[in-house]
C-alpha cells in the first residue's frame, strides 16, 4: 500500500503527459517495389490503385516512367 501511494502520483503525471502530447502517426507497410511503388487497393491516397513513395517524397504518380521529383527514368 505504501508503494502504491508513492508511485501513483508519478503514474498519473505520466499518463496525463502521454494523453496531452501531440502524436502523429504516418503508417506505411514499407512493402514497395524496386521503384518505390505499391498498390493502394482502397485508393486512400486518391491517386489511383498504384502510386510511389520513392526518395521519401509524398505519395505521387510517375507519368511516362519519370519521377516528378527526381526527373530520372525508372524502369518497372
PDB file of N, CA and C in Angstrom:
ATOM      1  N   UNK A   1       0.812  -1.195   0.000  1.00  0.00           N
ATOM      2  CA  UNK A   1       0.000   0.000   0.000  1.00  0.00           C
ATOM      3  C   UNK A   1       0.861   1.266   0.000  1.00  0.00           C
ATOM      4  N   UNK A   2       1.969   1.234   0.787  1.00  0.00           N
ATOM      5  CA  UNK A   2       2.858   2.395   0.835  1.00  0.00           C
ATOM      6  C   UNK A   2       3.482   2.647  -0.536  1.00  0.00           C
ATOM      7  N   UNK A   3       3.847   1.548  -1.205  1.00  0.00           N
ATOM      8  CA  UNK A   3       4.459   1.669  -2.529  1.00  0.00           C
ATOM      9  C   UNK A   3       3.496   2.328  -3.512  1.00  0.00           C
ATOM     10  N   UNK A   4       2.240   1.939  -3.472  1.00  0.00           N
ATOM     11  CA  UNK A   4       1.219   2.494  -4.361  1.00  0.00           C
ATOM     12  C   UNK A   4       1.035   3.982  -4.121  1.00  0.00           C
ATOM     13  N   UNK A   5       1.067   4.403  -2.876  1.00  0.00           N
ATOM     14  CA  UNK A   5       0.920   5.827  -2.550  1.00  0.00           C
ATOM     15  C   UNK A   5       2.093   6.638  -3.082  1.00  0.00           C
ATOM     16  N   UNK A   6       3.284   6.027  -3.123  1.00  0.00           N
ATOM     17  CA  UNK A   6       4.466   6.730  -3.624  1.00  0.00           C
ATOM     18  C   UNK A   6       4.478   6.785  -5.152  1.00  0.00           C
ATOM     19  N   UNK A   7       4.021   5.729  -5.802  1.00  0.00           N
ATOM     20  CA  UNK A   7       4.112   5.602  -7.254  1.00  0.00           C
ATOM     21  C   UNK A   7       2.909   6.220  -7.977  1.00  0.00           C
ATOM     22  N   UNK A   8       1.746   6.235  -7.356  1.00  0.00           N
ATOM     23  CA  UNK A   8       0.521   6.692  -8.003  1.00  0.00           C
ATOM     24  C   UNK A   8       0.630   8.108  -8.580  1.00  0.00           C
ATOM     25  N   UNK A   9       1.166   9.094  -7.855  1.00  0.00           N
ATOM     26  CA  UNK A   9       1.268  10.437  -8.456  1.00  0.00           C
ATOM     27  C   UNK A   9       2.141  10.467  -9.709  1.00  0.00           C
ATOM     28  N   UNK A  10       3.241   9.722  -9.692  1.00  0.00           N
ATOM     29  CA  UNK A  10       4.116   9.676 -10.868  1.00  0.00           C
ATOM     30  C   UNK A  10       3.412   9.032 -12.053  1.00  0.00           C
ATOM     31  N   UNK A  11       2.687   7.972 -11.815  1.00  0.00           N
ATOM     32  CA  UNK A  11       1.950   7.304 -12.884  1.00  0.00           C
ATOM     33  C   UNK A  11       0.859   8.203 -13.440  1.00  0.00           C
ATOM     34  N   UNK A  12       0.206   8.947 -12.587  1.00  0.00           N
ATOM     35  CA  UNK A  12      -0.836   9.879 -13.028  1.00  0.00           C
ATOM     36  C   UNK A  12      -0.251  10.970 -13.916  1.00  0.00           C
ATOM     37  N   UNK A  13       0.874  11.541 -13.503  1.00  0.00           N
ATOM     38  CA  UNK A  13       1.534  12.576 -14.297  1.00  0.00           C
ATOM     39  C   UNK A  13       1.984  12.008 -15.640  1.00  0.00           C
ATOM     40  N   UNK A  14       2.549  10.813 -15.630  1.00  0.00           N
ATOM     41  CA  UNK A  14       2.980  10.174 -16.870  1.00  0.00           C
ATOM     42  C   UNK A  14       1.806   9.933 -17.812  1.00  0.00           C
ATOM     43  N   UNK A  15       0.698   9.449 -17.273  1.00  0.00           N
ATOM     44  CA  UNK A  15      -0.490   9.197 -18.091  1.00  0.00           C
ATOM     45  C   UNK A  15      -1.034  10.494 -18.680  1.00  0.00           C
ATOM     46  N   UNK A  16      -1.065  11.558 -17.890  1.00  0.00           N
ATOM     47  CA  UNK A  16      -1.554  12.857 -18.391  1.00  0.00           C
ATOM     48  C   UNK A  16      -0.644  13.387 -19.489  1.00  0.00           C
ATOM     49  N   UNK A  17       0.663  13.280 -19.301  1.00  0.00           N
ATOM     50  CA  UNK A  17       1.604  13.744 -20.330  1.00  0.00           C
ATOM     51  C   UNK A  17       1.410  12.980 -21.634  1.00  0.00           C
ATOM     52  N   UNK A  18       1.217  11.676 -21.538  1.00  0.00           N
ATOM     53  CA  UNK A  18       1.037  10.871 -22.749  1.00  0.00           C
ATOM     54  C   UNK A  18      -0.246  11.238 -23.475  1.00  0.00           C
ATOM     55  N   UNK A  19      -1.274  11.599 -22.752  1.00  0.00           N
ATOM     56  CA  UNK A  19      -2.547  11.964 -23.390  1.00  0.00           C
ATOM     57  C   UNK A  19      -2.505  13.360 -23.982  1.00  0.00           C
ATOM     58  N   UNK A  20      -1.718  14.255 -23.405  1.00  0.00           N
ATOM     59  CA  UNK A  20      -1.717  15.640 -23.846  1.00  0.00           C
ATOM     60  C   UNK A  20      -0.700  15.938 -24.937  1.00  0.00           C
ATOM     61  N   UNK A  21       0.321  15.107 -25.060  1.00  0.00           N
ATOM     62  CA  UNK A  21       1.326  15.339 -26.083  1.00  0.00           C
ATOM     63  C   UNK A  21       0.756  14.996 -27.456  1.00  0.00           C
ATOM     64  N   UNK A  22       0.994  15.866 -28.437  1.00  0.00           N
ATOM     65  CA  UNK A  22       0.503  15.546 -29.781  1.00  0.00           C
ATOM     66  C   UNK A  22       1.300  14.391 -30.374  1.00  0.00           C
ATOM     67  N   UNK A  23       0.579  13.482 -30.973  1.00  0.00           N
ATOM     68  CA  UNK A  23       1.219  12.338 -31.604  1.00  0.00           C
ATOM     69  C   UNK A  23       0.753  12.246 -33.046  1.00  0.00           C
ATOM     70  N   UNK A  24       1.696  12.056 -33.921  1.00  0.00           N
ATOM     71  CA  UNK A  24       1.384  11.903 -35.328  1.00  0.00           C
ATOM     72  C   UNK A  24       1.907  10.560 -35.792  1.00  0.00           C
ATOM     73  N   UNK A  25       1.055   9.832 -36.441  1.00  0.00           N
ATOM     74  CA  UNK A  25       1.463   8.541 -36.969  1.00  0.00           C
ATOM     75  C   UNK A  25       1.157   8.497 -38.456  1.00  0.00           C
ATOM     76  N   UNK A  26       2.187   8.289 -39.230  1.00  0.00           N
ATOM     77  CA  UNK A  26       2.007   8.141 -40.669  1.00  0.00           C
ATOM     78  C   UNK A  26       2.430   6.717 -40.995  1.00  0.00           C
ATOM     79  N   UNK A  27       1.461   5.884 -41.198  1.00  0.00           N
ATOM     80  CA  UNK A  27       1.759   4.473 -41.389  1.00  0.00           C
ATOM     81  C   UNK A  27       1.915   4.084 -42.841  1.00  0.00           C
ATOM     82  N   UNK A  28       2.826   3.184 -43.052  1.00  0.00           N
ATOM     83  CA  UNK A  28       3.024   2.602 -44.362  1.00  0.00           C
ATOM     84  C   UNK A  28       3.675   1.256 -44.136  1.00  0.00           C
ATOM     85  N   UNK A  29       3.214   0.275 -44.826  1.00  0.00           N
ATOM     86  CA  UNK A  29       3.711  -1.080 -44.597  1.00  0.00           C
ATOM     87  C   UNK A  29       5.174  -1.244 -44.962  1.00  0.00           C
ATOM     88  N   UNK A  30       5.687  -0.356 -45.804  1.00  0.00           N
ATOM     89  CA  UNK A  30       7.076  -0.470 -46.221  1.00  0.00           C
ATOM     90  C   UNK A  30       7.279  -1.442 -47.360  1.00  0.00           C
ATOM     91  N   UNK A  31       6.227  -2.064 -47.813  1.00  0.00           N
ATOM     92  CA  UNK A  31       6.336  -3.047 -48.891  1.00  0.00           C
ATOM     93  C   UNK A  31       6.192  -2.357 -50.239  1.00  0.00           C
ATOM     94  N   UNK A  32       7.279  -1.829 -50.728  1.00  0.00           N
ATOM     95  CA  UNK A  32       7.273  -1.177 -52.029  1.00  0.00           C
ATOM     96  C   UNK A  32       8.161  -1.964 -52.973  1.00  0.00           C
ATOM     97  N   UNK A  33       7.941  -1.776 -54.263  1.00  0.00           N
ATOM     98  CA  UNK A  33       8.778  -2.465 -55.236  1.00  0.00           C
ATOM     99  C   UNK A  33      10.100  -1.711 -55.402  1.00  0.00           C
ATOM    100  N   UNK A  34      10.920  -2.121 -56.326  1.00  0.00           N
ATOM    101  CA  UNK A  34      12.227  -1.516 -56.543  1.00  0.00           C
ATOM    102  C   UNK A  34      12.176  -0.060 -56.950  1.00  0.00           C
ATOM    103  N   UNK A  35      11.034   0.395 -57.456  1.00  0.00           N
ATOM    104  CA  UNK A  35      10.883   1.792 -57.859  1.00  0.00           C
ATOM    105  C   UNK A  35      10.188   2.617 -56.787  1.00  0.00           C
ATOM    106  N   UNK A  36       9.892   2.010 -55.649  1.00  0.00           N
ATOM    107  CA  UNK A  36       9.220   2.737 -54.577  1.00  0.00           C
ATOM    108  C   UNK A  36       7.716   2.752 -54.711  1.00  0.00           C
ATOM    109  N   UNK A  37       7.153   1.913 -55.574  1.00  0.00           N
ATOM    110  CA  UNK A  37       5.710   1.905 -55.797  1.00  0.00           C
ATOM    111  C   UNK A  37       5.017   0.788 -55.051  1.00  0.00           C
ATOM    112  N   UNK A  38       3.731   0.975 -54.822  1.00  0.00           N
ATOM    113  CA  UNK A  38       2.941  -0.078 -54.201  1.00  0.00           C
ATOM    114  C   UNK A  38       1.471   0.092 -54.531  1.00  0.00           C
ATOM    115  N   UNK A  39       0.718  -0.972 -54.325  1.00  0.00           N
ATOM    116  CA  UNK A  39      -0.722  -0.956 -54.568  1.00  0.00           C
ATOM    117  C   UNK A  39      -1.434  -0.205 -53.462  1.00  0.00           C
ATOM    118  N   UNK A  40      -2.489   0.494 -53.837  1.00  0.00           N
ATOM    119  CA  UNK A  40      -3.355   1.211 -52.897  1.00  0.00           C
ATOM    120  C   UNK A  40      -4.773   0.776 -53.249  1.00  0.00           C
ATOM    121  N   UNK A  41      -5.097  -0.472 -52.895  1.00  0.00           N
ATOM    122  CA  UNK A  41      -6.349  -1.076 -53.343  1.00  0.00           C
ATOM    123  C   UNK A  41      -7.594  -0.300 -52.950  1.00  0.00           C
ATOM    124  N   UNK A  42      -7.546   0.413 -51.842  1.00  0.00           N
ATOM    125  CA  UNK A  42      -8.709   1.204 -51.418  1.00  0.00           C
ATOM    126  C   UNK A  42      -8.628   2.638 -51.926  1.00  0.00           C
ATOM    127  N   UNK A  43      -7.581   2.970 -52.664  1.00  0.00           N
ATOM    128  CA  UNK A  43      -7.363   4.300 -53.225  1.00  0.00           C
ATOM    129  C   UNK A  43      -7.441   5.370 -52.138  1.00  0.00           C
ATOM    130  N   UNK A  44      -6.824   5.097 -51.006  1.00  0.00           N
ATOM    131  CA  UNK A  44      -6.812   6.041 -49.894  1.00  0.00           C
ATOM    132  C   UNK A  44      -6.089   7.318 -50.283  1.00  0.00           C
ATOM    133  N   UNK A  45      -5.055   7.210 -51.094  1.00  0.00           N
ATOM    134  CA  UNK A  45      -4.272   8.381 -51.489  1.00  0.00           C
ATOM    135  C   UNK A  45      -5.019   9.268 -52.468  1.00  0.00           C
ATOM    136  N   UNK A  46      -6.015   8.713 -53.143  1.00  0.00           N
ATOM    137  CA  UNK A  46      -6.726   9.473 -54.167  1.00  0.00           C
ATOM    138  C   UNK A  46      -5.974   9.530 -55.479  1.00  0.00           C
ATOM    139  N   UNK A  47      -4.867   8.818 -55.568  1.00  0.00           N
ATOM    140  CA  UNK A  47      -4.049   8.833 -56.779  1.00  0.00           C
ATOM    141  C   UNK A  47      -4.321   7.650 -57.692  1.00  0.00           C
ATOM    142  N   UNK A  48      -5.184   6.781 -57.311  1.00  0.00           N
ATOM    143  CA  UNK A  48      -5.443   5.574 -58.091  1.00  0.00           C
ATOM    144  C   UNK A  48      -5.022   4.356 -57.295  1.00  0.00           C
ATOM    145  N   UNK A  49      -4.938   3.237 -57.968  1.00  0.00           N
ATOM    146  CA  UNK A  49      -4.663   1.988 -57.279  1.00  0.00           C
ATOM    147  C   UNK A  49      -3.190   1.616 -57.226  1.00  0.00           C
ATOM    148  N   UNK A  50      -2.322   2.493 -57.675  1.00  0.00           N
ATOM    149  CA  UNK A  50      -0.884   2.258 -57.604  1.00  0.00           C
ATOM    150  C   UNK A  50      -0.187   3.608 -57.572  1.00  0.00           C
ATOM    151  N   UNK A  51       0.669   3.820 -56.588  1.00  0.00           N
ATOM    152  CA  UNK A  51       1.420   5.067 -56.521  1.00  0.00           C
ATOM    153  C   UNK A  51       2.795   4.818 -55.917  1.00  0.00           C
ATOM    154  N   UNK A  52       3.617   5.859 -55.861  1.00  0.00           N
ATOM    155  CA  UNK A  52       5.012   5.748 -55.470  1.00  0.00           C
ATOM    156  C   UNK A  52       5.321   6.613 -54.254  1.00  0.00           C
ATOM    157  N   UNK A  53       6.367   6.186 -53.526  1.00  0.00           N
ATOM    158  CA  UNK A  53       6.896   6.936 -52.385  1.00  0.00           C
ATOM    159  C   UNK A  53       8.408   7.041 -52.510  1.00  0.00           C
ATOM    160  N   UNK A  54       8.940   6.965 -53.687  1.00  0.00           N
ATOM    161  CA  UNK A  54      10.384   6.916 -53.853  1.00  0.00           C
ATOM    162  C   UNK A  54      11.061   8.183 -53.338  1.00  0.00           C
ATOM    163  N   UNK A  55      12.255   8.013 -52.828  1.00  0.00           N
ATOM    164  CA  UNK A  55      13.054   9.135 -52.352  1.00  0.00           C
ATOM    165  C   UNK A  55      12.500   9.819 -51.114  1.00  0.00           C
ATOM    166  N   UNK A  56      11.553   9.195 -50.431  1.00  0.00           N
ATOM    167  CA  UNK A  56      10.979   9.815 -49.249  1.00  0.00           C
ATOM    168  C   UNK A  56       9.987  10.919 -49.556  1.00  0.00           C
ATOM    169  N   UNK A  57       9.649  11.086 -50.817  1.00  0.00           N
ATOM    170  CA  UNK A  57       8.684  12.110 -51.203  1.00  0.00           C
ATOM    171  C   UNK A  57       7.268  11.634 -50.901  1.00  0.00           C
ATOM    172  N   UNK A  58       6.314  12.559 -50.812  1.00  0.00           N
ATOM    173  CA  UNK A  58       4.927  12.134 -50.570  1.00  0.00           C
ATOM    174  C   UNK A  58       4.400  11.279 -51.713  1.00  0.00           C
ATOM    175  N   UNK A  59       3.303  10.614 -51.478  1.00  0.00           N
ATOM    176  CA  UNK A  59       2.698   9.743 -52.497  1.00  0.00           C
ATOM    177  C   UNK A  59       2.507  10.526 -53.789  1.00  0.00           C
ATOM    178  N   UNK A  60       2.932   9.920 -54.902  1.00  0.00           N
ATOM    179  CA  UNK A  60       2.828  10.595 -56.202  1.00  0.00           C
ATOM    180  C   UNK A  60       2.769   9.552 -57.315  1.00  0.00           C
ATOM    181  N   UNK A  61       2.506  10.018 -58.517  1.00  0.00           N
ATOM    182  CA  UNK A  61       2.451   9.146 -59.695  1.00  0.00           C
ATOM    183  C   UNK A  61       3.672   9.386 -60.561  1.00  0.00           C
ATOM    184  N   UNK A  62       4.000   8.412 -61.400  1.00  0.00           N
ATOM    185  CA  UNK A  62       5.084   8.545 -62.361  1.00  0.00           C
ATOM    186  C   UNK A  62       4.481   8.580 -63.763  1.00  0.00           C
ATOM    187  N   UNK A  63       4.501   9.728 -64.362  1.00  0.00           N
ATOM    188  CA  UNK A  63       3.996   9.870 -65.729  1.00  0.00           C
ATOM    189  C   UNK A  63       5.068   9.424 -66.703  1.00  0.00           C
ATOM    190  N   UNK A  64       4.727   8.529 -67.595  1.00  0.00           N
ATOM    191  CA  UNK A  64       5.652   8.025 -68.620  1.00  0.00           C
ATOM    192  C   UNK A  64       6.934   7.459 -68.019  1.00  0.00           C
ATOM    193  N   UNK A  65       6.882   6.923 -66.814  1.00  0.00           N
ATOM    194  CA  UNK A  65       8.054   6.314 -66.203  1.00  0.00           C
ATOM    195  C   UNK A  65       8.989   7.276 -65.503  1.00  0.00           C
ATOM    196  N   UNK A  66       8.652   8.552 -65.447  1.00  0.00           N
ATOM    197  CA  UNK A  66       9.519   9.545 -64.818  1.00  0.00           C
ATOM    198  C   UNK A  66       8.985   9.958 -63.448  1.00  0.00           C
ATOM    199  N   UNK A  67       9.890  10.022 -62.478  1.00  0.00           N
ATOM    200  CA  UNK A  67       9.527  10.531 -61.162  1.00  0.00           C
ATOM    201  C   UNK A  67       9.567  12.051 -61.230  1.00  0.00           C
ATOM    202  N   UNK A  68       8.484  12.736 -60.884  1.00  0.00           N
ATOM    203  CA  UNK A  68       8.469  14.189 -60.986  1.00  0.00           C
ATOM    204  C   UNK A  68       9.436  14.868 -60.016  1.00  0.00           C
ATOM    205  N   UNK A  69       9.877  14.176 -58.996  1.00  0.00           N
ATOM    206  CA  UNK A  69      10.795  14.771 -58.029  1.00  0.00           C
ATOM    207  C   UNK A  69      12.242  14.614 -58.422  1.00  0.00           C
ATOM    208  N   UNK A  70      12.567  13.533 -59.120  1.00  0.00           N
ATOM    209  CA  UNK A  70      13.961  13.287 -59.465  1.00  0.00           C
ATOM    210  C   UNK A  70      14.249  13.434 -60.952  1.00  0.00           C
ATOM    211  N   UNK A  71      13.214  13.438 -61.761  1.00  0.00           N
ATOM    212  CA  UNK A  71      13.350  13.534 -63.228  1.00  0.00           C
ATOM    213  C   UNK A  71      14.275  12.452 -63.767  1.00  0.00           C
ATOM    214  N   UNK A  72      14.189  11.259 -63.175  1.00  0.00           N
ATOM    215  CA  UNK A  72      15.003  10.119 -63.606  1.00  0.00           C
ATOM    216  C   UNK A  72      14.052   9.064 -64.153  1.00  0.00           C
ATOM    217  N   UNK A  73      14.415   8.478 -65.282  1.00  0.00           N
ATOM    218  CA  UNK A  73      13.602   7.411 -65.864  1.00  0.00           C
ATOM    219  C   UNK A  73      13.722   6.166 -65.000  1.00  0.00           C
ATOM    220  N   UNK A  74      12.596   5.676 -64.514  1.00  0.00           N
ATOM    221  CA  UNK A  74      12.577   4.473 -63.708  1.00  0.00           C
ATOM    222  C   UNK A  74      11.993   3.335 -64.516  1.00  0.00           C
ATOM    223  N   UNK A  75      12.624   2.187 -64.436  1.00  0.00           N
ATOM    224  CA  UNK A  75      12.102   1.031 -65.164  1.00  0.00           C
ATOM    225  C   UNK A  75      11.272   0.186 -64.227  1.00  0.00           C
ATOM    226  N   UNK A  76      10.189  -0.347 -64.713  1.00  0.00           N
ATOM    227  CA  UNK A  76       9.306  -1.168 -63.894  1.00  0.00           C
ATOM    228  C   UNK A  76       9.521  -2.621 -64.188  1.00  0.00           C
TER     229      UNK A  76
END
